[in-house]
Amino acid sequence: MMKAALYVSGRIVVGDSHLDAYRKLSQSEKDGHLVSGFFDNCTEEFVSDMEKDHFYNKEMFLVRHGKSQNPDDPDPDISDTGICQVEQLVTQLSDGNLGDVVGITSPLLRCLKTADILSKYLGIRFQIVPEVMETPAFLAEYDVFKVRNRSRQFPQFDWPTSKEWHVVHETPCDFVERVKETLQHLPTKSIVVTHYGYICNMVKLALCEKKAELLVEQGIPPASVTYINRQDVRCLGRTHAEIHQDRPETSH
C-alpha cells in the first residue's frame, strides 16, 4: 500500500500525509532538498511525479555471468576466459560490504559457474531463482526449452526443486513484467547472477529509462557488476576496449 513519503538526506520518511511526514523531519532536513512522493513498504518502491526521482529502497549487485564458452549453445558453460573474468571480479566485490547480502542466481550453467566462483571466494550462499533466467531468443511461439536441473552438480546452492524447468516463448512485454515482479520481491540487499537483457530491464524498472540507456551505452560486459543503491547506478566492469568486444547473447 502506497503511503505519503518524503526522500531527504538519503532516507525515506513516511507519514499519513506529506504534512505529517514533513513534521517528522529535523530542521536541517527541512532546509535541505526534499523529494515528495509515495512509498510502498511491501515492495520498497518510492514513486515520484518525476521519473528521475523514482527508485526502490534496495541495494543490488547485478552480476552478468562470465564469458560463455559457446554462444551457439542454448545453455553453455563459461570459457577459461570467463573463469578468469569472474575471479578478477571477486577483488572488486570483496571491497564492498557483503555480510548480509542474499545470493540469487539463474539456473543456467553459465550463471551457476559464475555463482560458484563467487561463493567460494566470498562465502556467499546462493539460492536458485528461475525467475532471473533470461528466455533464449531462438524460441519460437510453441517451442519448449528444457533447462537441466543441476542440483547434484551444485549441491552447495539452495534449490527450490529437483525437477527440470520447461521454458516457453515469452513476449518482450511478458519478460519485462517478470523482471518487475522479481524486482518487487527482491530482499533489501542482494547479489543476483543473471544475464545481459535481465540487467538492462532491471535498471530501467528500478530507476528510470534514461539511466538505463546511459548504462547500456557505457557497456555491461561479461563478469561485470551493475550496482544499484537507491538512486545511484554504476557498472563495475573491465576496460572500455574490452567492453566493446563483447556482445549480448539474447535479443531481450
C-alpha atoms as a PDB file:
ATOM      1  CA  MET A   1       0.000   0.000   0.000  1.00  0.00           C
ATOM      2  CA  MET A   2       1.381   3.394  -1.012  1.00  0.00           C
ATOM      3  CA  LYS A   3       1.770   5.998   1.733  1.00  0.00           C
ATOM      4  CA  ALA A   4       2.791   9.648   1.557  1.00  0.00           C
ATOM      5  CA  ALA A   5       6.567   9.969   1.826  1.00  0.00           C
ATOM      6  CA  LEU A   6       9.493  12.374   1.565  1.00  0.00           C
ATOM      7  CA  TYR A   7      13.004  11.456   0.464  1.00  0.00           C
ATOM      8  CA  VAL A   8      15.611  13.626   2.130  1.00  0.00           C
ATOM      9  CA  SER A   9      19.294  13.239   3.061  1.00  0.00           C
ATOM     10  CA  GLY A  10      19.362   9.608   1.956  1.00  0.00           C
ATOM     11  CA  ARG A  11      16.358   8.424   3.916  1.00  0.00           C
ATOM     12  CA  ILE A  12      12.645   7.937   3.335  1.00  0.00           C
ATOM     13  CA  VAL A  13      10.225   9.465   5.833  1.00  0.00           C
ATOM     14  CA  VAL A  14       6.669   8.104   5.701  1.00  0.00           C
ATOM     15  CA  GLY A  15       3.550   9.715   7.130  1.00  0.00           C
ATOM     16  CA  ASP A  16      -0.231   9.648   6.962  1.00  0.00           C
ATOM     17  CA  SER A  17       0.124  12.710   4.731  1.00  0.00           C
ATOM     18  CA  HIS A  18       3.010  14.704   3.295  1.00  0.00           C
ATOM     19  CA  LEU A  19       2.475  17.275   6.035  1.00  0.00           C
ATOM     20  CA  ASP A  20       2.714  14.528   8.651  1.00  0.00           C
ATOM     21  CA  ALA A  21       5.954  13.277   7.055  1.00  0.00           C
ATOM     22  CA  TYR A  22       7.321  16.826   6.964  1.00  0.00           C
ATOM     23  CA  ARG A  23       6.705  17.272  10.680  1.00  0.00           C
ATOM     24  CA  LYS A  24       8.921  14.249  11.372  1.00  0.00           C
ATOM     25  CA  LEU A  25      11.962  15.888   9.751  1.00  0.00           C
ATOM     26  CA  SER A  26      14.766  17.607  11.624  1.00  0.00           C
ATOM     27  CA  GLN A  27      15.264  21.307  10.985  1.00  0.00           C
ATOM     28  CA  SER A  28      18.336  20.642   8.846  1.00  0.00           C
ATOM     29  CA  GLU A  29      16.340  18.180   6.759  1.00  0.00           C
ATOM     30  CA  LYS A  30      13.536  20.690   6.312  1.00  0.00           C
ATOM     31  CA  ASP A  31      16.090  23.158   4.998  1.00  0.00           C
ATOM     32  CA  GLY A  32      17.562  20.585   2.602  1.00  0.00           C
ATOM     33  CA  HIS A  33      16.411  19.182  -0.746  1.00  0.00           C
ATOM     34  CA  LEU A  34      13.087  17.343  -0.395  1.00  0.00           C
ATOM     35  CA  VAL A  35      11.616  14.892  -2.881  1.00  0.00           C
ATOM     36  CA  SER A  36       7.894  14.336  -2.460  1.00  0.00           C
ATOM     37  CA  GLY A  37       6.349  11.014  -3.395  1.00  0.00           C
ATOM     38  CA  PHE A  38       4.725   7.816  -2.181  1.00  0.00           C
ATOM     39  CA  PHE A  39       6.328   4.710  -0.667  1.00  0.00           C
ATOM     40  CA  ASP A  40       5.170   1.076  -0.777  1.00  0.00           C
ATOM     41  CA  ASN A  41       6.527  -0.673   2.294  1.00  0.00           C
ATOM     42  CA  CYS A  42       5.944  -4.136   0.794  1.00  0.00           C
ATOM     43  CA  THR A  43       7.862  -3.667  -2.459  1.00  0.00           C
ATOM     44  CA  GLU A  44      10.080  -0.819  -1.116  1.00  0.00           C
ATOM     45  CA  GLU A  45       9.252   1.311  -4.171  1.00  0.00           C
ATOM     46  CA  PHE A  46       9.420   5.114  -3.959  1.00  0.00           C
ATOM     47  CA  VAL A  47       7.279   6.793  -6.639  1.00  0.00           C
ATOM     48  CA  SER A  48       7.504  10.472  -7.531  1.00  0.00           C
ATOM     49  CA  ASP A  49       5.983  12.698 -10.204  1.00  0.00           C
ATOM     50  CA  MET A  50       9.480  12.997 -11.696  1.00  0.00           C
ATOM     51  CA  GLU A  51      10.765   9.800 -13.345  1.00  0.00           C
ATOM     52  CA  LYS A  52      14.363  10.587 -12.342  1.00  0.00           C
ATOM     53  CA  ASP A  53      13.316  10.519  -8.676  1.00  0.00           C
ATOM     54  CA  HIS A  54      11.824   7.017  -8.874  1.00  0.00           C
ATOM     55  CA  PHE A  55      13.730   4.219  -7.111  1.00  0.00           C
ATOM     56  CA  TYR A  56      13.494   1.142  -4.913  1.00  0.00           C
ATOM     57  CA  ASN A  57      14.871   1.332  -1.388  1.00  0.00           C
ATOM     58  CA  LYS A  58      17.171  -1.608  -2.144  1.00  0.00           C
ATOM     59  CA  GLU A  59      20.854  -2.315  -2.696  1.00  0.00           C
ATOM     60  CA  MET A  60      21.516  -4.634  -5.634  1.00  0.00           C
ATOM     61  CA  PHE A  61      24.663  -6.148  -7.110  1.00  0.00           C
ATOM     62  CA  LEU A  62      23.593  -7.383 -10.554  1.00  0.00           C
ATOM     63  CA  VAL A  63      26.320  -9.674 -11.905  1.00  0.00           C
ATOM     64  CA  ARG A  64      26.441 -10.617 -15.564  1.00  0.00           C
ATOM     65  CA  HIS A  65      27.863 -14.127 -15.925  1.00  0.00           C
ATOM     66  CA  GLY A  66      31.380 -14.752 -17.236  1.00  0.00           C
ATOM     67  CA  LYS A  67      32.065 -15.044 -20.966  1.00  0.00           C
ATOM     68  CA  SER A  68      30.321 -18.074 -22.489  1.00  0.00           C
ATOM     69  CA  GLN A  69      32.237 -20.971 -23.985  1.00  0.00           C
ATOM     70  CA  ASN A  70      29.960 -21.476 -27.000  1.00  0.00           C
ATOM     71  CA  PRO A  71      27.443 -18.698 -27.846  1.00  0.00           C
ATOM     72  CA  ASP A  72      25.527 -21.103 -30.126  1.00  0.00           C
ATOM     73  CA  ASP A  73      24.818 -23.485 -27.244  1.00  0.00           C
ATOM     74  CA  PRO A  74      21.471 -22.643 -25.561  1.00  0.00           C
ATOM     75  CA  ASP A  75      22.936 -23.465 -22.135  1.00  0.00           C
ATOM     76  CA  PRO A  76      26.728 -23.079 -22.428  1.00  0.00           C
ATOM     77  CA  ASP A  77      29.424 -23.321 -19.806  1.00  0.00           C
ATOM     78  CA  ILE A  78      31.701 -20.336 -19.229  1.00  0.00           C
ATOM     79  CA  SER A  79      35.041 -20.332 -21.004  1.00  0.00           C
ATOM     80  CA  ASP A  80      38.507 -20.251 -19.442  1.00  0.00           C
ATOM     81  CA  THR A  81      38.457 -16.513 -20.159  1.00  0.00           C
ATOM     82  CA  GLY A  82      35.120 -16.275 -18.361  1.00  0.00           C
ATOM     83  CA  ILE A  83      36.560 -18.038 -15.304  1.00  0.00           C
ATOM     84  CA  CYS A  84      39.429 -15.545 -15.165  1.00  0.00           C
ATOM     85  CA  GLN A  85      36.990 -12.662 -15.560  1.00  0.00           C
ATOM     86  CA  VAL A  86      34.895 -13.802 -12.601  1.00  0.00           C
ATOM     87  CA  GLU A  87      37.974 -14.402 -10.443  1.00  0.00           C
ATOM     88  CA  GLN A  88      39.095 -10.827 -11.177  1.00  0.00           C
ATOM     89  CA  LEU A  89      35.608  -9.612 -10.321  1.00  0.00           C
ATOM     90  CA  VAL A  90      35.947 -11.080  -6.845  1.00  0.00           C
ATOM     91  CA  THR A  91      38.523  -8.394  -5.998  1.00  0.00           C
ATOM     92  CA  GLN A  92      36.044  -5.609  -6.724  1.00  0.00           C
ATOM     93  CA  LEU A  93      33.234  -7.287  -4.810  1.00  0.00           C
ATOM     94  CA  SER A  94      35.404  -8.076  -1.802  1.00  0.00           C
ATOM     95  CA  ASP A  95      35.820  -4.319  -1.259  1.00  0.00           C
ATOM     96  CA  GLY A  96      32.098  -3.975  -0.600  1.00  0.00           C
ATOM     97  CA  ASN A  97      30.090  -4.828   2.491  1.00  0.00           C
ATOM     98  CA  LEU A  98      28.551  -8.194   1.606  1.00  0.00           C
ATOM     99  CA  GLY A  99      27.975  -9.505   5.109  1.00  0.00           C
ATOM    100  CA  ASP A 100      24.171  -9.540   4.943  1.00  0.00           C
ATOM    101  CA  VAL A 101      23.711  -9.921   1.190  1.00  0.00           C
ATOM    102  CA  VAL A 102      21.290 -12.541  -0.186  1.00  0.00           C
ATOM    103  CA  GLY A 103      22.731 -14.526  -3.107  1.00  0.00           C
ATOM    104  CA  ILE A 104      20.468 -15.316  -6.076  1.00  0.00           C
ATOM    105  CA  THR A 105      21.341 -16.957  -9.383  1.00  0.00           C
ATOM    106  CA  SER A 106      19.769 -18.084 -12.633  1.00  0.00           C
ATOM    107  CA  PRO A 107      19.757 -21.902 -13.097  1.00  0.00           C
ATOM    108  CA  LEU A 108      21.517 -21.691 -16.476  1.00  0.00           C
ATOM    109  CA  LEU A 109      25.013 -23.198 -16.403  1.00  0.00           C
ATOM    110  CA  ARG A 110      26.971 -20.032 -17.174  1.00  0.00           C
ATOM    111  CA  CYS A 111      25.359 -18.339 -14.178  1.00  0.00           C
ATOM    112  CA  LEU A 112      25.797 -21.354 -11.902  1.00  0.00           C
ATOM    113  CA  LYS A 113      29.516 -21.491 -12.708  1.00  0.00           C
ATOM    114  CA  THR A 114      29.834 -17.747 -12.080  1.00  0.00           C
ATOM    115  CA  ALA A 115      27.958 -18.001  -8.772  1.00  0.00           C
ATOM    116  CA  ASP A 116      30.079 -21.000  -7.772  1.00  0.00           C
ATOM    117  CA  ILE A 117      33.286 -18.953  -8.084  1.00  0.00           C
ATOM    118  CA  LEU A 118      31.775 -16.018  -6.183  1.00  0.00           C
ATOM    119  CA  SER A 119      30.523 -18.371  -3.491  1.00  0.00           C
ATOM    120  CA  LYS A 120      33.929 -19.991  -2.971  1.00  0.00           C
ATOM    121  CA  TYR A 121      35.837 -16.724  -2.758  1.00  0.00           C
ATOM    122  CA  LEU A 122      33.281 -14.551  -0.956  1.00  0.00           C
ATOM    123  CA  GLY A 123      31.439 -17.093   1.189  1.00  0.00           C
ATOM    124  CA  ILE A 124      28.019 -16.216  -0.238  1.00  0.00           C
ATOM    125  CA  ARG A 125      25.335 -18.906  -0.214  1.00  0.00           C
ATOM    126  CA  PHE A 126      23.243 -18.712  -3.388  1.00  0.00           C
ATOM    127  CA  GLN A 127      19.673 -19.771  -3.972  1.00  0.00           C
ATOM    128  CA  ILE A 128      18.385 -20.782  -7.396  1.00  0.00           C
ATOM    129  CA  VAL A 129      15.650 -18.468  -8.670  1.00  0.00           C
ATOM    130  CA  PRO A 130      14.412 -19.395 -12.175  1.00  0.00           C
ATOM    131  CA  GLU A 131      12.636 -16.030 -12.460  1.00  0.00           C
ATOM    132  CA  VAL A 132      16.006 -14.317 -13.082  1.00  0.00           C
ATOM    133  CA  MET A 133      16.702 -16.572 -16.060  1.00  0.00           C
ATOM    134  CA  GLU A 134      16.683 -14.946 -19.494  1.00  0.00           C
ATOM    135  CA  THR A 135      14.452 -16.527 -22.151  1.00  0.00           C
ATOM    136  CA  PRO A 136      16.513 -17.806 -25.114  1.00  0.00           C
ATOM    137  CA  ALA A 137      15.937 -15.568 -28.141  1.00  0.00           C
ATOM    138  CA  PHE A 138      15.695 -18.529 -30.521  1.00  0.00           C
ATOM    139  CA  LEU A 139      12.455 -19.866 -29.002  1.00  0.00           C
ATOM    140  CA  ALA A 140       9.519 -19.746 -31.409  1.00  0.00           C
ATOM    141  CA  GLU A 141       5.944 -19.361 -30.167  1.00  0.00           C
ATOM    142  CA  TYR A 142       5.320 -23.045 -29.486  1.00  0.00           C
ATOM    143  CA  ASP A 143       8.878 -24.123 -28.667  1.00  0.00           C
ATOM    144  CA  VAL A 144       9.860 -25.532 -25.284  1.00  0.00           C
ATOM    145  CA  PHE A 145      13.408 -25.326 -23.945  1.00  0.00           C
ATOM    146  CA  LYS A 146      14.259 -27.773 -21.155  1.00  0.00           C
ATOM    147  CA  VAL A 147      16.651 -26.421 -18.566  1.00  0.00           C
ATOM    148  CA  ARG A 148      18.554 -29.150 -16.805  1.00  0.00           C
ATOM    149  CA  ASN A 149      18.398 -29.240 -13.037  1.00  0.00           C
ATOM    150  CA  ARG A 150      21.983 -29.348 -11.775  1.00  0.00           C
ATOM    151  CA  SER A 151      21.310 -29.699  -8.055  1.00  0.00           C
ATOM    152  CA  ARG A 152      23.640 -32.714  -7.858  1.00  0.00           C
ATOM    153  CA  GLN A 153      26.448 -30.798  -9.571  1.00  0.00           C
ATOM    154  CA  PHE A 154      25.968 -27.748  -7.329  1.00  0.00           C
ATOM    155  CA  PRO A 155      24.678 -29.132  -4.006  1.00  0.00           C
ATOM    156  CA  GLN A 156      26.040 -26.105  -2.132  1.00  0.00           C
ATOM    157  CA  PHE A 157      23.215 -23.975  -3.550  1.00  0.00           C
ATOM    158  CA  ASP A 158      19.618 -23.855  -2.330  1.00  0.00           C
ATOM    159  CA  TRP A 159      17.398 -25.467  -4.982  1.00  0.00           C
ATOM    160  CA  PRO A 160      13.609 -24.953  -4.978  1.00  0.00           C
ATOM    161  CA  THR A 161      13.040 -28.244  -6.817  1.00  0.00           C
ATOM    162  CA  SER A 162      14.820 -31.325  -8.132  1.00  0.00           C
ATOM    163  CA  LYS A 163      12.919 -31.169 -11.427  1.00  0.00           C
ATOM    164  CA  GLU A 164      13.990 -29.542 -14.673  1.00  0.00           C
ATOM    165  CA  TRP A 165      12.399 -26.335 -15.954  1.00  0.00           C
ATOM    166  CA  HIS A 166      10.404 -26.013 -19.159  1.00  0.00           C
ATOM    167  CA  VAL A 167      10.928 -22.575 -20.676  1.00  0.00           C
ATOM    168  CA  VAL A 168       8.491 -21.364 -23.334  1.00  0.00           C
ATOM    169  CA  HIS A 169       8.416 -18.413 -25.713  1.00  0.00           C
ATOM    170  CA  GLU A 170       7.948 -15.083 -23.958  1.00  0.00           C
ATOM    171  CA  THR A 171       6.990 -11.734 -25.472  1.00  0.00           C
ATOM    172  CA  PRO A 172       9.127  -8.690 -24.589  1.00  0.00           C
ATOM    173  CA  CYS A 173       6.210  -7.319 -22.554  1.00  0.00           C
ATOM    174  CA  ASP A 174       5.853 -10.548 -20.597  1.00  0.00           C
ATOM    175  CA  PHE A 175       9.592 -10.587 -19.984  1.00  0.00           C
ATOM    176  CA  VAL A 176       9.517  -7.047 -18.577  1.00  0.00           C
ATOM    177  CA  GLU A 177       6.585  -7.934 -16.322  1.00  0.00           C
ATOM    178  CA  ARG A 178       8.518 -10.920 -14.976  1.00  0.00           C
ATOM    179  CA  VAL A 179      11.555  -8.737 -14.250  1.00  0.00           C
ATOM    180  CA  LYS A 180       9.333  -6.198 -12.468  1.00  0.00           C
ATOM    181  CA  GLU A 181       7.694  -8.825 -10.290  1.00  0.00           C
ATOM    182  CA  THR A 182      11.094 -10.244  -9.356  1.00  0.00           C
ATOM    183  CA  LEU A 183      12.409  -6.768  -8.536  1.00  0.00           C
ATOM    184  CA  GLN A 184       9.490  -6.109  -6.210  1.00  0.00           C
ATOM    185  CA  HIS A 185      10.207  -9.314  -4.285  1.00  0.00           C
ATOM    186  CA  LEU A 186      13.977  -8.931  -4.035  1.00  0.00           C
ATOM    187  CA  PRO A 187      15.321  -8.611  -0.490  1.00  0.00           C
ATOM    188  CA  THR A 188      16.663  -5.255   0.672  1.00  0.00           C
ATOM    189  CA  LYS A 189      20.229  -6.280  -0.184  1.00  0.00           C
ATOM    190  CA  SER A 190      21.022  -8.876  -2.825  1.00  0.00           C
ATOM    191  CA  ILE A 191      23.598 -10.097  -5.325  1.00  0.00           C
ATOM    192  CA  VAL A 192      21.965 -11.519  -8.454  1.00  0.00           C
ATOM    193  CA  VAL A 193      23.885 -13.546 -11.052  1.00  0.00           C
ATOM    194  CA  THR A 194      21.938 -13.187 -14.275  1.00  0.00           C
ATOM    195  CA  HIS A 195      22.034 -12.110 -17.940  1.00  0.00           C
ATOM    196  CA  TYR A 196      22.573  -9.010 -20.086  1.00  0.00           C
ATOM    197  CA  GLY A 197      18.936  -8.359 -21.022  1.00  0.00           C
ATOM    198  CA  TYR A 198      17.746  -9.006 -17.492  1.00  0.00           C
ATOM    199  CA  ILE A 199      20.145  -6.433 -16.072  1.00  0.00           C
ATOM    200  CA  CYS A 200      19.164  -3.816 -18.679  1.00  0.00           C
ATOM    201  CA  ASN A 201      15.484  -4.167 -17.839  1.00  0.00           C
ATOM    202  CA  MET A 202      16.108  -4.326 -14.096  1.00  0.00           C
ATOM    203  CA  VAL A 203      17.885  -0.939 -14.183  1.00  0.00           C
ATOM    204  CA  LYS A 204      15.113   0.563 -16.303  1.00  0.00           C
ATOM    205  CA  LEU A 205      12.454  -0.599 -13.843  1.00  0.00           C
ATOM    206  CA  ALA A 206      14.402   0.081 -10.657  1.00  0.00           C
ATOM    207  CA  LEU A 207      15.385   3.617 -11.634  1.00  0.00           C
ATOM    208  CA  CYS A 208      14.393   5.191 -14.945  1.00  0.00           C
ATOM    209  CA  GLU A 209      14.786   4.609 -18.673  1.00  0.00           C
ATOM    210  CA  LYS A 210      17.305   7.437 -19.108  1.00  0.00           C
ATOM    211  CA  LYS A 211      19.703   5.949 -16.552  1.00  0.00           C
ATOM    212  CA  ALA A 212      19.284   2.505 -18.120  1.00  0.00           C
ATOM    213  CA  GLU A 213      20.132   3.853 -21.590  1.00  0.00           C
ATOM    214  CA  LEU A 214      23.242   5.561 -20.225  1.00  0.00           C
ATOM    215  CA  LEU A 215      24.354   2.332 -18.578  1.00  0.00           C
ATOM    216  CA  VAL A 216      23.867   0.314 -21.773  1.00  0.00           C
ATOM    217  CA  GLU A 217      25.859   2.903 -23.738  1.00  0.00           C
ATOM    218  CA  GLN A 218      28.718   2.526 -21.260  1.00  0.00           C
ATOM    219  CA  GLY A 219      28.516  -1.257 -21.588  1.00  0.00           C
ATOM    220  CA  ILE A 220      27.575  -4.230 -19.433  1.00  0.00           C
ATOM    221  CA  PRO A 221      30.381  -6.692 -20.223  1.00  0.00           C
ATOM    222  CA  PRO A 222      30.529 -10.320 -19.050  1.00  0.00           C
ATOM    223  CA  ALA A 223      31.621 -10.665 -15.418  1.00  0.00           C
ATOM    224  CA  SER A 224      30.728  -7.092 -14.529  1.00  0.00           C
ATOM    225  CA  VAL A 225      28.647  -5.783 -11.646  1.00  0.00           C
ATOM    226  CA  THR A 226      25.855  -3.303 -12.155  1.00  0.00           C
ATOM    227  CA  TYR A 227      25.497  -1.735  -8.731  1.00  0.00           C
ATOM    228  CA  ILE A 228      22.213  -0.081  -7.747  1.00  0.00           C
ATOM    229  CA  ASN A 229      21.717   1.648  -4.426  1.00  0.00           C
ATOM    230  CA  ARG A 230      18.514   3.691  -4.348  1.00  0.00           C
ATOM    231  CA  GLN A 231      19.041   6.413  -6.988  1.00  0.00           C
ATOM    232  CA  ASP A 232      22.664   5.536  -7.708  1.00  0.00           C
ATOM    233  CA  VAL A 233      23.700   3.166 -10.506  1.00  0.00           C
ATOM    234  CA  ARG A 234      27.133   2.312 -11.869  1.00  0.00           C
ATOM    235  CA  CYS A 235      28.808  -0.513 -13.709  1.00  0.00           C
ATOM    236  CA  LEU A 236      31.908  -2.076 -12.214  1.00  0.00           C
ATOM    237  CA  GLY A 237      33.477  -3.676 -15.278  1.00  0.00           C
ATOM    238  CA  ARG A 238      36.622  -4.032 -17.310  1.00  0.00           C
ATOM    239  CA  THR A 239      38.336  -1.629 -19.691  1.00  0.00           C
ATOM    240  CA  HIS A 240      36.471   0.352 -22.341  1.00  0.00           C
ATOM    241  CA  ALA A 241      38.200  -1.607 -25.132  1.00  0.00           C
ATOM    242  CA  GLU A 242      37.167  -4.936 -23.643  1.00  0.00           C
ATOM    243  CA  ILE A 243      33.562  -3.787 -23.198  1.00  0.00           C
ATOM    244  CA  HIS A 244      33.029  -3.318 -26.923  1.00  0.00           C
ATOM    245  CA  GLN A 245      34.467  -6.724 -27.765  1.00  0.00           C
ATOM    246  CA  ASP A 246      31.522  -8.427 -26.059  1.00  0.00           C
ATOM    247  CA  ARG A 247      28.029  -8.793 -27.427  1.00  0.00           C
ATOM    248  CA  PRO A 248      24.841  -9.770 -25.556  1.00  0.00           C
ATOM    249  CA  GLU A 249      23.697 -13.336 -26.095  1.00  0.00           C
ATOM    250  CA  THR A 250      19.957 -12.650 -26.495  1.00  0.00           C
ATOM    251  CA  SER A 251      17.659 -10.094 -28.048  1.00  0.00           C
ATOM    252  CA  HIS A 252      15.950  -9.104 -24.778  1.00  0.00           C
END
